[in-house]
Amino acid sequence: MTKLLIKLPGPLLFALITAMMAGLTPALAQEEAGPVDDYLELVESVGAEYAPAFDFFTVSMLWTVIAAALVFLMHLGFATLEAGLTQSKNTVNILFKNVWIISIGLITYAVVGFNTHYPGDFNGWISIGSMIGDLNADGGGTWGYGGLGLAMTGYGDFIFQAMFAATAATIVSGAVAERVKLSAFMIYSTILVAFGYTIAGSWHWGGGWLSQLGGGEAGFYDFAGSTVVHGFGGAAALAAVMILGPRKGKYSDDGTVKPILGHSMPLAAVGVFLLFFGWFGFNGGSVLSANPGPLGLVFTTTALAAAAGGIAAIMTSWAVLKKPDLSMALNGLLAGLVSITAGADSVSVVSSIIMGAVGGVIVVFAIIFFDKIKIDDPVGAISVHGVCGIWGTVAVAIFGGANLMSQIIGVIGVYIFAFVFSFAIFGIIKAIMGVRVSEEEETEGLDISEHGQEAYNTNS
């Protein structure tokens, strides 16, 4: 009986188990098996040639929407990390921006982003898309949308990719925290998510010029977006920070750095662990199916790279700063995650540990370097996503067999575009309405000056 049950399709097995638990015999269960009849009808409707693989399609679609939910959870991680590493007087502002980013990101991705990101028959530089239509036009329950390699429905594909879309603006949000004008950031982030990120992404994932490098045989390889997502956000953040300038009092005239401490390290730690958790959806969902081989490998390389990044950052910062710095340790975990994202499906477990560890070392020196040149990034987003994104993408050529020149060309192309696009949009907004709050508003805190409310009621 055990062997028989294992061979049965999932819904049929569920029906039989349910029947037996209710005290029925298999024979009686077969007579009243409504779920079995429904299953057989569904198999017949999708076509007999698809029947043996229908369970795989169903499980893959289920995994896709779970992965999308995990990526959504990353936005909570970004919100709490940014809030924790900044001053308490700016907490409402940080949280408000994150609410705006995920909301506008989802809407713009439906209106213009998805069909810009994936323009269909496309081999060029820029294609501006239109509103999504009926993504279940093929029936919604068949392989007609993407076949074995994209085992999901059209709506499953959309919602997974939509959760990615807002990440680029969220990266910028942390870098410009505590002094950016809210209205200016809202306009900037909308344009960045709707057009900047999706245009750059179409070069790689939408059939554009990056996917055609070397005739497609030695094309640019970026599994889940070390460059196309994280690198784009890091380069865009650098441009915005350069225009915005540092926070008041961050750097003295003699060049020394005056630390502006975050108000809640517990919040920051919770944020990083939420991001770590969500990254299993970010990378795991990029398998685009529930194919057990790649999925298990991706989960393993993702976890090991993060752990190696955390350890390397701890050891490096301890040696350089003479104290075990928690913020560096947290950014080390994220550095490991960004470093593995481009090659999580194509490198060995040993390679993933090396990639994550190198990322953990890099991020410490990158954060120190940007402070020395007076690039004020309160959360280290430029270092984590921008700098480690470069390393992770190039590392795929070293450890995963990708073409080194294609990887370098891809990094240069995406980073230059992201920087120029961000610099232009943020610069135009600055010229029209300004992008920075006044010194008085910055001193008072953006919670009061921009929102008229405080995050914490200290009188209760």
Protein backbone atom coordinates (compact mmCIF):
# COMPACT_ATOMS: atom_id res chain seq x y z
CA MET A 1 0.00 0.00 0.00
CA THR A 2 2.83 2.39 0.84
CA LYS A 3 4.47 1.90 -2.55
CA LEU A 4 1.12 2.35 -4.28
CA LEU A 5 0.42 5.63 -2.50
CA ILE A 6 3.83 7.08 -3.30
CA LYS A 7 3.28 6.54 -7.01
CA LEU A 8 -0.11 8.21 -7.04
CA PRO A 9 -0.50 11.85 -8.20
CA GLY A 10 -0.63 14.38 -5.38
CA PRO A 11 -4.37 15.27 -5.47
CA LEU A 12 -5.34 11.59 -5.79
CA LEU A 13 -3.08 10.67 -2.87
CA PHE A 14 -4.63 13.48 -0.82
CA ALA A 15 -8.13 12.19 -1.59
CA LEU A 16 -7.28 8.62 -0.57
CA ILE A 17 -5.56 9.67 2.65
CA THR A 18 -8.53 11.87 3.52
CA ALA A 19 -10.89 9.00 2.88
CA MET A 20 -8.93 6.55 5.03
CA MET A 21 -8.68 9.06 7.87
CA ALA A 22 -12.45 9.30 7.78
CA GLY A 23 -12.74 5.53 8.28
CA LEU A 24 -13.60 4.74 4.66
CA THR A 25 -12.16 1.92 2.60
CA PRO A 26 -10.22 2.73 -0.59
CA ALA A 27 -13.03 1.24 -2.63
CA LEU A 28 -15.68 3.45 -1.05
CA ALA A 29 -13.38 6.45 -1.33
CA GLN A 30 -13.02 5.81 -5.05
CA GLU A 31 -16.78 5.90 -5.48
CA GLU A 32 -17.12 9.29 -3.76
CA ALA A 33 -13.84 10.86 -4.81
CA GLY A 34 -14.88 14.30 -5.96
CA PRO A 35 -11.29 15.64 -5.79
CA VAL A 36 -10.13 12.73 -7.93
CA ASP A 37 -12.74 13.48 -10.58
CA ASP A 38 -11.77 17.15 -10.54
CA TYR A 39 -8.12 16.23 -10.94
CA LEU A 40 -8.78 13.92 -13.87
CA GLU A 41 -10.93 16.54 -15.58
CA LEU A 42 -8.19 19.14 -15.11
CA VAL A 43 -5.54 16.80 -16.54
CA GLU A 44 -7.80 16.10 -19.52
CA SER A 45 -8.37 19.81 -20.08
CA VAL A 46 -4.67 20.64 -20.27
CA GLY A 47 -3.99 17.84 -22.72
CA ALA A 48 -2.87 14.25 -22.28
CA GLU A 49 0.72 15.03 -23.29
CA TYR A 50 1.04 17.35 -20.26
CA ALA A 51 -0.59 15.05 -17.72
CA PRO A 52 2.56 13.36 -16.33
CA ALA A 53 4.12 16.73 -15.52
CA PHE A 54 1.04 18.55 -14.29
CA ASP A 55 1.94 18.09 -10.63
CA PHE A 56 5.36 19.64 -11.28
CA PHE A 57 3.71 22.62 -12.93
CA THR A 58 1.36 23.07 -9.96
CA VAL A 59 4.14 22.81 -7.37
CA SER A 60 6.33 25.19 -9.39
CA MET A 61 3.58 27.76 -9.56
CA LEU A 62 3.02 27.42 -5.82
CA TRP A 63 6.73 27.89 -5.16
CA THR A 64 6.76 30.98 -7.40
CA VAL A 65 4.09 32.81 -5.42
CA ILE A 66 5.71 31.77 -2.12
CA ALA A 67 9.00 33.16 -3.41
CA ALA A 68 7.22 36.37 -4.41
CA ALA A 69 5.88 36.66 -0.85
CA LEU A 70 9.41 36.18 0.51
CA VAL A 71 10.73 38.96 -1.73
CA PHE A 72 7.88 41.16 -0.52
CA LEU A 73 9.04 40.45 3.05
CA MET A 74 12.43 41.87 2.09
CA HIS A 75 10.81 45.30 1.89
CA LEU A 76 9.99 45.02 5.58
CA GLY A 77 13.62 44.09 6.09
CA PHE A 78 14.80 47.18 4.21
CA ALA A 79 12.41 49.36 6.21
CA THR A 80 13.56 48.11 9.61
CA LEU A 81 17.25 48.09 8.65
CA GLU A 82 17.12 51.68 7.42
CA ALA A 83 15.11 52.82 10.43
CA GLY A 84 17.47 51.13 12.86
CA LEU A 85 20.64 52.59 11.34
CA THR A 86 19.30 56.16 11.30
CA GLN A 87 18.25 58.58 14.04
CA SER A 88 14.94 58.13 15.81
CA LYS A 89 13.76 61.57 14.66
CA ASN A 90 13.63 60.27 11.07
CA THR A 91 11.91 56.92 11.64
CA VAL A 92 8.46 57.88 10.36
CA ASN A 93 10.06 59.31 7.23
CA ILE A 94 12.01 56.11 6.57
CA LEU A 95 8.93 53.94 7.00
CA PHE A 96 6.79 56.26 4.89
CA LYS A 97 9.24 56.10 2.00
CA ASN A 98 9.23 52.31 2.11
CA VAL A 99 5.42 52.23 2.03
CA TRP A 100 5.51 54.50 -1.00
CA ILE A 101 8.19 52.49 -2.82
CA ILE A 102 6.45 49.11 -2.68
CA SER A 103 3.07 50.67 -3.52
CA ILE A 104 4.22 52.74 -6.50
CA GLY A 105 6.53 49.94 -7.59
CA LEU A 106 3.71 47.44 -7.96
CA ILE A 107 1.41 49.88 -9.77
CA THR A 108 4.02 51.19 -12.21
CA TYR A 109 5.20 47.65 -12.92
CA ALA A 110 1.67 46.75 -13.97
CA VAL A 111 1.13 49.96 -15.96
CA VAL A 112 4.43 50.13 -17.83
CA GLY A 113 7.21 48.18 -16.13
CA PHE A 114 6.50 44.53 -16.93
CA ASN A 115 6.19 45.06 -20.67
CA THR A 116 9.26 47.30 -20.62
CA HIS A 117 11.21 44.69 -18.68
CA TYR A 118 10.08 41.87 -21.00
CA PRO A 119 9.21 43.50 -24.32
CA GLY A 120 8.91 40.24 -26.25
CA ASP A 121 10.70 40.19 -29.59
CA PHE A 122 13.43 42.66 -28.70
CA ASN A 123 17.13 43.01 -29.38
CA GLY A 124 18.00 46.61 -28.67
CA TRP A 125 18.46 49.30 -26.05
CA ILE A 126 15.14 50.89 -25.15
CA SER A 127 11.58 49.66 -25.45
CA ILE A 128 8.85 51.33 -23.40
CA GLY A 129 6.03 48.92 -22.63
CA SER A 130 2.32 49.24 -21.97
CA MET A 131 -0.22 48.04 -19.40
CA ILE A 132 -0.34 44.31 -18.78
CA GLY A 133 -3.31 42.51 -20.28
CA ASP A 134 -4.81 39.09 -19.56
CA LEU A 135 -1.73 37.11 -18.56
CA ASN A 136 -3.89 33.99 -18.30
CA ALA A 137 -4.89 34.23 -21.95
CA ASP A 138 -3.43 30.76 -22.57
CA GLY A 139 -5.86 29.28 -20.05
CA GLY A 140 -3.89 29.93 -16.89
CA GLY A 141 -3.56 26.23 -16.04
CA THR A 142 -1.29 25.00 -18.83
CA TRP A 143 2.34 25.09 -19.89
CA GLY A 144 1.45 27.53 -22.64
CA TYR A 145 3.00 30.59 -20.94
CA GLY A 146 6.59 29.51 -20.49
CA GLY A 147 7.00 25.77 -20.88
CA LEU A 148 9.27 23.65 -18.69
CA GLY A 149 11.85 26.43 -18.19
CA LEU A 150 9.28 28.90 -16.87
CA ALA A 151 6.84 26.63 -15.06
CA MET A 152 4.30 29.22 -13.97
CA THR A 153 1.33 31.20 -15.20
CA GLY A 154 1.64 34.70 -16.62
CA TYR A 155 0.34 36.23 -13.42
CA GLY A 156 2.81 34.18 -11.39
CA ASP A 157 5.64 35.57 -13.50
CA PHE A 158 4.32 39.12 -13.14
CA ILE A 159 3.93 39.13 -9.36
CA PHE A 160 7.34 37.58 -8.75
CA GLN A 161 9.09 40.10 -10.97
CA ALA A 162 7.01 42.98 -9.59
CA MET A 163 8.37 42.33 -6.10
CA PHE A 164 11.88 42.70 -7.50
CA ALA A 165 11.13 45.99 -9.20
CA ALA A 166 10.90 48.25 -6.18
CA THR A 167 14.19 47.00 -4.73
CA ALA A 168 16.30 49.45 -6.73
CA ALA A 169 14.53 52.47 -5.24
CA THR A 170 14.65 50.94 -1.77
CA ILE A 171 18.44 50.75 -2.01
CA VAL A 172 18.54 54.46 -2.83
CA SER A 173 16.16 55.23 0.03
CA GLY A 174 18.67 54.13 2.65
CA ALA A 175 21.57 55.97 1.06
CA VAL A 176 19.77 59.35 0.94
CA ALA A 177 18.12 58.98 4.34
CA GLU A 178 17.79 61.81 6.88
CA ARG A 179 18.10 64.78 4.52
CA VAL A 180 16.14 64.15 1.30
CA LYS A 181 12.93 66.07 0.62
CA LEU A 182 10.02 63.64 0.66
CA SER A 183 8.16 64.98 -2.38
CA ALA A 184 11.35 64.98 -4.45
CA PHE A 185 12.15 61.40 -3.48
CA MET A 186 8.64 60.22 -4.31
CA ILE A 187 8.89 61.62 -7.85
CA TYR A 188 12.43 60.32 -8.31
CA SER A 189 11.66 56.80 -7.06
CA THR A 190 8.61 56.51 -9.31
CA ILE A 191 10.62 57.30 -12.43
CA LEU A 192 13.55 55.11 -11.35
CA VAL A 193 11.36 52.04 -10.77
CA ALA A 194 9.05 52.51 -13.74
CA PHE A 195 11.70 53.20 -16.39
CA GLY A 196 15.31 53.09 -15.20
CA TYR A 197 15.34 49.65 -13.62
CA THR A 198 13.08 48.04 -16.22
CA ILE A 199 15.06 49.37 -19.20
CA ALA A 200 18.36 48.09 -17.76
CA GLY A 201 16.72 44.78 -16.86
CA SER A 202 15.41 44.34 -20.41
CA TRP A 203 18.98 44.33 -21.70
CA HIS A 204 19.62 41.10 -19.83
CA TRP A 205 16.29 39.39 -19.12
CA GLY A 206 14.21 40.89 -21.91
CA GLY A 207 16.25 39.80 -24.93
CA GLY A 208 18.34 42.98 -25.15
CA TRP A 209 21.96 43.53 -26.08
CA LEU A 210 23.49 41.99 -22.95
CA SER A 211 21.81 38.67 -23.63
CA GLN A 212 23.21 38.77 -27.17
CA LEU A 213 26.88 39.25 -26.27
CA GLY A 214 29.03 36.69 -28.04
CA GLY A 215 26.09 35.62 -30.16
CA GLY A 216 24.28 34.52 -27.02
CA GLU A 217 26.77 31.70 -26.39
CA ALA A 218 29.06 33.74 -24.13
CA GLY A 219 26.51 36.28 -23.05
CA PHE A 220 26.32 38.23 -19.82
CA TYR A 221 25.34 35.97 -16.89
CA ASP A 222 23.54 37.35 -13.86
CA PHE A 223 21.28 34.69 -12.37
CA ALA A 224 19.20 36.77 -9.93
CA GLY A 225 20.59 40.28 -10.28
CA SER A 226 23.91 41.10 -8.58
CA THR A 227 24.30 43.76 -11.28
CA VAL A 228 20.87 44.15 -12.87
CA VAL A 229 19.09 44.65 -9.51
CA HIS A 230 21.60 45.38 -6.75
CA GLY A 231 24.29 47.00 -8.85
CA PHE A 232 21.71 49.19 -10.56
CA GLY A 233 20.41 50.35 -7.18
CA GLY A 234 23.91 50.96 -5.82
CA ALA A 235 25.01 53.03 -8.82
CA ALA A 236 21.76 55.02 -8.77
CA ALA A 237 22.25 55.65 -5.05
CA LEU A 238 25.78 56.94 -5.59
CA ALA A 239 24.54 59.52 -8.12
CA ALA A 240 21.76 60.68 -5.80
CA VAL A 241 24.08 60.98 -2.79
CA MET A 242 26.61 63.00 -4.79
CA ILE A 243 23.91 65.52 -5.72
CA LEU A 244 22.36 65.55 -2.26
CA GLY A 245 25.51 65.93 -0.20
CA PRO A 246 26.28 64.58 3.30
CA ARG A 247 24.22 65.04 6.42
CA LYS A 248 24.90 68.11 8.49
CA GLY A 249 27.81 67.55 10.88
CA LYS A 250 28.88 64.24 9.35
CA TYR A 251 32.29 65.49 8.20
CA SER A 252 34.41 68.16 9.85
CA ASP A 253 36.57 70.68 8.02
CA ASP A 254 39.76 68.80 8.88
CA GLY A 255 38.43 65.66 7.19
CA THR A 256 37.56 63.64 10.26
CA VAL A 257 34.36 61.62 10.29
CA LYS A 258 31.81 62.25 13.03
CA PRO A 259 29.69 59.12 13.42
CA ILE A 260 25.93 59.70 13.41
CA LEU A 261 24.76 56.63 15.26
CA GLY A 262 21.60 54.73 14.44
CA HIS A 263 18.96 54.71 17.14
CA SER A 264 18.13 50.99 17.26
CA MET A 265 20.56 48.19 16.53
CA PRO A 266 17.87 45.59 17.38
CA LEU A 267 15.73 47.02 14.55
CA ALA A 268 18.71 46.93 12.20
CA ALA A 269 19.47 43.31 13.12
CA VAL A 270 15.84 42.28 12.60
CA GLY A 271 15.93 43.97 9.21
CA VAL A 272 19.03 42.07 8.08
CA PHE A 273 17.65 38.71 9.20
CA LEU A 274 14.39 39.46 7.36
CA LEU A 275 16.45 40.25 4.26
CA PHE A 276 18.45 37.04 4.70
CA PHE A 277 15.19 35.07 4.97
CA GLY A 278 13.64 36.83 1.99
CA TRP A 279 16.73 36.19 -0.11
CA PHE A 280 15.82 32.52 -0.29
CA GLY A 281 12.82 33.68 -2.32
CA PHE A 282 14.88 36.24 -4.24
CA ASN A 283 17.44 33.66 -5.40
CA GLY A 284 15.34 30.51 -5.03
CA GLY A 285 12.44 31.96 -6.98
CA SER A 286 14.83 32.85 -9.81
CA VAL A 287 15.07 29.14 -10.62
CA LEU A 288 11.63 29.85 -12.16
CA SER A 289 10.33 26.42 -11.24
CA ALA A 290 10.43 23.85 -8.44
CA ASN A 291 13.17 21.90 -10.20
CA PRO A 292 14.69 20.19 -7.14
CA GLY A 293 18.31 20.07 -8.31
CA PRO A 294 18.90 23.79 -8.94
CA LEU A 295 16.58 24.80 -6.10
CA GLY A 296 18.53 22.89 -3.46
CA LEU A 297 21.84 24.19 -4.80
CA VAL A 298 20.65 27.81 -4.85
CA PHE A 299 19.36 27.64 -1.27
CA THR A 300 22.68 26.14 -0.12
CA THR A 301 25.00 28.54 -1.93
CA THR A 302 22.89 31.50 -0.81
CA ALA A 303 23.06 30.51 2.86
CA LEU A 304 26.76 29.65 2.83
CA ALA A 305 27.77 32.85 1.05
CA ALA A 306 25.83 34.96 3.55
CA ALA A 307 27.41 33.17 6.50
CA ALA A 308 30.90 33.52 5.01
CA GLY A 309 30.28 37.21 4.36
CA GLY A 310 29.22 37.75 7.95
CA ILE A 311 32.28 35.99 9.37
CA ALA A 312 34.69 37.77 7.01
CA ALA A 313 33.22 41.19 7.82
CA ILE A 314 33.42 40.48 11.55
CA MET A 315 37.07 39.45 11.36
CA THR A 316 38.05 42.28 9.02
CA SER A 317 36.29 45.04 10.93
CA TRP A 318 37.64 43.71 14.23
CA ALA A 319 41.18 43.88 12.85
CA VAL A 320 40.78 47.31 11.25
CA LEU A 321 38.55 49.08 13.79
CA LYS A 322 39.89 47.23 16.85
CA LYS A 323 36.33 46.44 17.98
CA PRO A 324 33.75 43.88 16.79
CA ASP A 325 31.32 46.21 15.01
CA LEU A 326 27.72 44.93 14.73
CA SER A 327 26.78 47.18 11.81
CA MET A 328 29.75 45.81 9.83
CA ALA A 329 28.73 42.25 10.72
CA LEU A 330 25.19 42.87 9.51
CA ASN A 331 26.41 44.45 6.28
CA GLY A 332 28.75 41.49 5.88
CA LEU A 333 25.79 39.13 5.76
CA LEU A 334 24.19 41.30 3.08
CA ALA A 335 27.48 41.58 1.19
CA GLY A 336 27.70 37.80 1.03
CA LEU A 337 24.15 37.62 -0.27
CA VAL A 338 24.73 40.23 -2.98
CA SER A 339 27.99 38.52 -3.96
CA ILE A 340 26.32 35.14 -4.59
CA THR A 341 23.19 36.43 -6.33
CA ALA A 342 24.70 36.46 -9.83
CA GLY A 343 25.94 32.88 -9.67
CA ALA A 344 23.92 31.06 -7.04
CA ASP A 345 22.87 28.36 -9.53
CA SER A 346 26.24 27.87 -11.22
CA VAL A 347 28.96 27.69 -8.56
CA SER A 348 29.99 25.00 -6.09
CA VAL A 349 29.46 25.24 -2.36
CA VAL A 350 33.18 25.89 -1.81
CA SER A 351 33.11 28.67 -4.39
CA SER A 352 30.03 30.21 -2.75
CA ILE A 353 31.88 30.39 0.58
CA ILE A 354 34.86 32.10 -1.09
CA MET A 355 32.60 34.54 -2.96
CA GLY A 356 30.71 35.46 0.19
CA ALA A 357 33.88 35.83 2.26
CA VAL A 358 35.51 38.12 -0.29
CA GLY A 359 32.31 40.19 -0.35
CA GLY A 360 32.45 40.47 3.44
CA VAL A 361 36.00 41.82 3.31
CA ILE A 362 35.23 44.18 0.44
CA VAL A 363 32.24 45.77 2.13
CA VAL A 364 34.23 46.82 5.21
CA PHE A 365 36.86 48.64 3.17
CA ALA A 366 34.24 50.07 0.81
CA ILE A 367 32.28 51.64 3.69
CA ILE A 368 35.50 53.13 5.12
CA PHE A 369 36.53 54.39 1.67
CA PHE A 370 33.27 56.18 0.93
CA ASP A 371 33.43 57.89 4.31
CA LYS A 372 36.95 59.09 3.53
CA ILE A 373 35.80 60.73 0.29
CA LYS A 374 32.76 62.20 2.08
CA ILE A 375 30.09 60.12 0.37
CA ASP A 376 27.56 59.92 3.20
CA ASP A 377 25.61 56.67 3.07
CA PRO A 378 23.89 56.06 6.43
CA VAL A 379 23.23 52.36 5.84
CA GLY A 380 26.15 51.35 3.62
CA ALA A 381 23.86 50.63 0.66
CA ILE A 382 26.34 51.78 -2.00
CA SER A 383 29.03 49.51 -0.61
CA VAL A 384 26.78 46.49 -0.05
CA HIS A 385 24.79 46.59 -3.28
CA GLY A 386 26.96 48.61 -5.62
CA VAL A 387 30.50 47.47 -4.84
CA CYS A 388 29.68 43.87 -3.92
CA GLY A 389 27.41 43.67 -6.95
CA ILE A 390 30.48 44.18 -9.14
CA TRP A 391 32.42 41.50 -7.31
CA GLY A 392 29.55 39.00 -7.44
CA THR A 393 29.09 39.46 -11.17
CA VAL A 394 32.78 39.15 -12.03
CA ALA A 395 33.13 36.19 -9.67
CA VAL A 396 30.77 34.14 -11.86
CA ALA A 397 33.49 34.20 -14.52
CA ILE A 398 36.07 33.03 -11.97
CA PHE A 399 34.02 30.31 -10.29
CA GLY A 400 31.05 29.63 -12.54
CA GLY A 401 32.47 29.53 -16.06
CA ALA A 402 30.93 32.72 -17.42
CA ASN A 403 32.82 34.80 -19.98
CA LEU A 404 34.92 37.39 -18.14
CA MET A 405 34.72 40.04 -20.83
CA SER A 406 30.94 39.72 -21.09
CA GLN A 407 30.66 40.09 -17.32
CA ILE A 408 32.83 43.22 -17.32
CA ILE A 409 30.92 44.74 -20.25
CA GLY A 410 27.62 44.04 -18.47
CA VAL A 411 28.78 45.67 -15.25
CA ILE A 412 30.09 48.74 -17.06
CA GLY A 413 26.96 49.12 -19.18
CA VAL A 414 24.44 48.77 -16.36
CA TYR A 415 26.39 50.86 -13.84
CA ILE A 416 27.00 53.73 -16.23
CA PHE A 417 23.36 53.76 -17.31
CA ALA A 418 22.10 53.61 -13.71
CA PHE A 419 24.43 56.40 -12.59
CA VAL A 420 23.67 58.70 -15.54
CA PHE A 421 19.92 58.05 -15.43
CA SER A 422 19.77 58.68 -11.68
CA PHE A 423 22.02 61.74 -11.86
CA ALA A 424 19.91 63.24 -14.65
CA ILE A 425 16.53 62.62 -13.01
CA PHE A 426 17.65 63.71 -9.54
CA GLY A 427 19.44 66.72 -11.03
CA ILE A 428 16.36 67.85 -12.93
CA ILE A 429 14.20 67.49 -9.83
CA LYS A 430 16.76 69.49 -7.84
CA ALA A 431 16.65 72.30 -10.41
CA ILE A 432 12.84 72.42 -10.40
CA MET A 433 11.89 71.94 -6.75
CA GLY A 434 14.98 71.11 -4.73
CA VAL A 435 15.89 67.72 -3.26
CA ARG A 436 17.12 68.59 0.22
CA VAL A 437 15.35 69.81 3.33
CA SER A 438 16.59 72.95 5.08
CA GLU A 439 19.19 72.80 7.86
CA GLU A 440 16.48 73.65 10.39
CA GLU A 441 14.26 70.80 9.17
CA GLU A 442 17.18 68.38 9.18
CA THR A 443 18.08 69.35 12.74
CA GLU A 444 14.49 69.04 13.91
CA GLY A 445 14.08 65.73 12.15
CA LEU A 446 12.06 64.77 9.12
CA ASP A 447 9.36 63.09 11.19
CA ILE A 448 8.22 66.49 12.48
CA SER A 449 9.19 68.72 9.55
CA GLU A 450 7.81 66.46 6.79
CA HIS A 451 5.09 64.45 8.56
CA GLY A 452 4.17 66.32 11.70
CA GLN A 453 4.34 63.18 13.82
CA GLU A 454 6.85 61.28 15.88
CA ALA A 455 7.66 57.58 15.72
CA TYR A 456 7.85 57.15 19.48
CA ASN A 457 5.52 58.60 22.09
CA THR A 458 7.96 59.38 24.89
CA ASN A 459 5.20 60.83 27.10
CA SER A 460 3.18 57.65 27.47
